[in-house]
């Protein structure tokens, strides 16, 4: 099981336009293949260090939620959060999105790093959930959906919004 994965994409929009989408965690479900949606927790309304949000996830027939905490929010350059270990989920994964201007475009890099995982949990994931052994392809697909989502206004295109709702 890989403990780190990374993918990148070039989006033909400036970093501020891309940031407007990625920094709104309530929109992650629009471009993530596994996360179905997020909501801010504990009165948080924007990404700042210490802000928390809960993600609803689905992979095949499995569904779960995770509490997340923002570690770094440096607009429009970097957003980092980690899953908070609790209850049946004693693991912690750090997710990072970095945005680098390349002329009028933005190179977006998405990565994750497993910070903490019990050996038995790693064995179960490696044995019974092969897609989670190496998430590089998933990250590439996420970034492809993000690129499709960010249009000239930096907002979701109506056809993309509709497609995600019908899943």
Protein backbone atom coordinates (compact mmCIF):
# COMPACT_ATOMS: atom_id res chain seq x y z
CA UNK A 1 0.00 0.00 0.00
CA UNK A 2 1.43 3.36 -1.02
CA UNK A 3 1.59 5.89 1.79
CA UNK A 4 1.91 8.85 -0.59
CA UNK A 5 0.47 9.65 -3.99
CA UNK A 6 0.50 12.74 -6.18
CA UNK A 7 -0.98 13.93 -9.46
CA UNK A 8 -1.09 17.27 -11.28
CA UNK A 9 -2.98 19.07 -14.00
CA UNK A 10 -2.68 22.37 -15.84
CA UNK A 11 -5.87 24.45 -15.73
CA UNK A 12 -6.16 27.36 -18.15
CA UNK A 13 -7.33 29.78 -15.46
CA UNK A 14 -5.45 31.97 -12.95
CA UNK A 15 -4.81 30.63 -9.43
CA UNK A 16 -7.52 32.87 -7.90
CA UNK A 17 -10.22 31.26 -10.09
CA UNK A 18 -9.07 27.74 -9.20
CA UNK A 19 -8.74 28.69 -5.52
CA UNK A 20 -12.36 29.89 -5.47
CA UNK A 21 -13.43 26.31 -6.21
CA UNK A 22 -10.92 24.23 -4.20
CA UNK A 23 -11.06 26.41 -1.07
CA UNK A 24 -14.83 25.96 -0.84
CA UNK A 25 -14.82 22.49 0.73
CA UNK A 26 -18.61 22.31 0.29
CA UNK A 27 -17.83 21.84 -3.44
CA UNK A 28 -15.35 18.94 -3.12
CA UNK A 29 -18.14 16.49 -3.98
CA UNK A 30 -18.42 18.16 -7.38
CA UNK A 31 -14.93 17.05 -8.44
CA UNK A 32 -13.93 14.16 -6.16
CA UNK A 33 -14.59 10.59 -7.21
CA UNK A 34 -14.94 9.37 -3.62
CA UNK A 35 -16.13 12.35 -1.58
CA UNK A 36 -19.83 13.05 -2.10
CA UNK A 37 -19.91 16.32 -0.20
CA UNK A 38 -18.58 18.29 2.76
CA UNK A 39 -20.02 20.67 5.31
CA UNK A 40 -18.27 23.04 7.67
CA UNK A 41 -18.36 22.10 11.36
CA UNK A 42 -18.20 23.97 14.65
CA UNK A 43 -19.16 27.34 13.13
CA UNK A 44 -16.42 27.35 10.48
CA UNK A 45 -17.28 28.96 7.14
CA UNK A 46 -13.94 29.14 5.34
CA UNK A 47 -10.56 27.43 5.21
CA UNK A 48 -8.33 28.75 7.99
CA UNK A 49 -5.93 26.76 10.14
CA UNK A 50 -7.95 24.86 12.74
CA UNK A 51 -11.29 25.02 10.86
CA UNK A 52 -13.07 21.67 10.66
CA UNK A 53 -15.37 20.11 8.11
CA UNK A 54 -17.01 16.72 7.69
CA UNK A 55 -16.81 14.80 4.43
CA UNK A 56 -19.34 12.21 3.23
CA UNK A 57 -17.66 9.49 1.17
CA UNK A 58 -18.65 6.52 -0.93
CA UNK A 59 -16.61 3.84 -2.65
CA UNK A 60 -18.70 1.10 -4.26
CA UNK A 61 -21.21 -0.02 -1.63
CA UNK A 62 -19.26 1.45 1.29
CA UNK A 63 -20.24 4.79 2.81
CA UNK A 64 -18.56 6.70 5.61
CA UNK A 65 -17.97 10.17 7.00
CA UNK A 66 -14.74 11.72 8.24
CA UNK A 67 -13.99 14.78 10.32
CA UNK A 68 -11.21 16.88 8.76
CA UNK A 69 -9.15 19.77 10.05
CA UNK A 70 -7.52 22.48 7.95
CA UNK A 71 -3.77 22.67 8.64
CA UNK A 72 -2.71 25.29 6.07
CA UNK A 73 -4.78 27.78 4.08
CA UNK A 74 -2.55 30.07 2.02
CA UNK A 75 -4.74 31.65 -0.70
CA UNK A 76 -4.37 31.17 -3.61
CA UNK A 77 -1.39 28.85 -3.24
CA UNK A 78 -1.98 25.97 -0.86
CA UNK A 79 -4.72 24.17 1.07
CA UNK A 80 -3.83 21.32 3.43
CA UNK A 81 -6.12 19.32 5.69
CA UNK A 82 -5.97 16.05 7.58
CA UNK A 83 -8.53 13.49 8.60
CA UNK A 84 -8.97 13.53 12.37
CA UNK A 85 -8.48 10.10 14.00
CA UNK A 86 -11.55 9.04 15.98
CA UNK A 87 -13.76 6.06 16.78
CA UNK A 88 -13.61 3.37 14.10
CA UNK A 89 -11.11 5.46 12.08
CA UNK A 90 -7.84 5.63 14.03
CA UNK A 91 -5.91 6.59 10.91
CA UNK A 92 -4.99 10.05 9.69
CA UNK A 93 -4.35 11.16 6.13
CA UNK A 94 -3.01 14.56 5.08
CA UNK A 95 -4.41 15.98 1.82
CA UNK A 96 -2.64 18.82 0.00
CA UNK A 97 -3.64 20.98 -2.96
CA UNK A 98 -1.00 23.36 -4.31
CA UNK A 99 -1.58 25.95 -7.02
CA UNK A 100 1.30 27.43 -9.05
CA UNK A 101 0.81 30.13 -11.65
CA UNK A 102 2.20 29.27 -15.09
CA UNK A 103 1.53 32.35 -17.17
CA UNK A 104 -2.24 32.78 -17.26
CA UNK A 105 -2.77 29.14 -16.23
CA UNK A 106 -2.45 27.25 -12.95
CA UNK A 107 -0.62 24.00 -12.28
CA UNK A 108 -2.61 22.17 -9.59
CA UNK A 109 -0.99 19.36 -7.63
CA UNK A 110 -3.11 17.10 -5.43
CA UNK A 111 -1.38 14.74 -3.04
CA UNK A 112 -2.02 12.73 0.05
CA UNK A 113 0.17 11.23 2.71
CA UNK A 114 -0.86 8.63 5.25
CA UNK A 115 0.30 10.10 8.55
CA UNK A 116 -0.92 7.31 10.81
CA UNK A 117 -2.46 3.91 10.11
CA UNK A 118 -2.65 0.84 12.36
CA UNK A 119 -1.05 -2.25 10.77
CA UNK A 120 -4.32 -4.22 10.86
CA UNK A 121 -6.15 -1.41 9.05
CA UNK A 122 -3.41 -1.25 6.41
CA UNK A 123 -3.70 -5.02 5.90
CA UNK A 124 -7.51 -4.87 5.54
CA UNK A 125 -7.30 -2.02 3.01
CA UNK A 126 -4.52 -3.70 1.00
CA UNK A 127 -6.32 -7.04 1.01
CA UNK A 128 -9.96 -6.09 0.46
CA UNK A 129 -9.84 -2.67 -1.22
CA UNK A 130 -7.34 -2.91 -4.10
CA UNK A 131 -8.23 0.56 -5.50
CA UNK A 132 -6.83 2.08 -2.30
CA UNK A 133 -3.42 0.43 -2.68
CA UNK A 134 -2.32 3.16 -5.09
CA UNK A 135 -4.58 6.22 -5.39
CA UNK A 136 -2.55 7.99 -8.11
CA UNK A 137 -5.11 7.21 -10.81
CA UNK A 138 -7.95 8.42 -8.56
CA UNK A 139 -6.12 11.71 -7.99
CA UNK A 140 -5.61 12.12 -11.75
CA UNK A 141 -9.34 11.62 -12.33
CA UNK A 142 -10.19 14.09 -9.53
CA UNK A 143 -8.01 16.72 -11.16
CA UNK A 144 -9.54 16.05 -14.57
CA UNK A 145 -12.99 16.69 -13.07
CA UNK A 146 -11.67 19.82 -11.33
CA UNK A 147 -10.32 21.12 -14.64
CA UNK A 148 -13.71 20.49 -16.29
CA UNK A 149 -15.46 22.23 -13.40
CA UNK A 150 -13.44 25.43 -13.52
CA UNK A 151 -14.62 27.39 -16.55
CA UNK A 152 -13.99 31.01 -17.50
CA UNK A 153 -16.01 32.32 -14.57
CA UNK A 154 -14.41 29.89 -12.10
CA UNK A 155 -17.85 28.40 -11.41
CA UNK A 156 -19.34 24.98 -12.04
CA UNK A 157 -20.75 24.37 -15.49
CA UNK A 158 -24.47 23.42 -15.41
CA UNK A 159 -23.98 20.10 -17.23
CA UNK A 160 -21.28 19.02 -14.77
CA UNK A 161 -23.42 19.91 -11.76
CA UNK A 162 -26.30 17.86 -13.16
CA UNK A 163 -24.10 14.83 -13.87
CA UNK A 164 -22.83 14.72 -10.29
CA UNK A 165 -26.35 15.00 -8.85
CA UNK A 166 -27.61 11.93 -10.71
CA UNK A 167 -24.95 9.55 -9.44
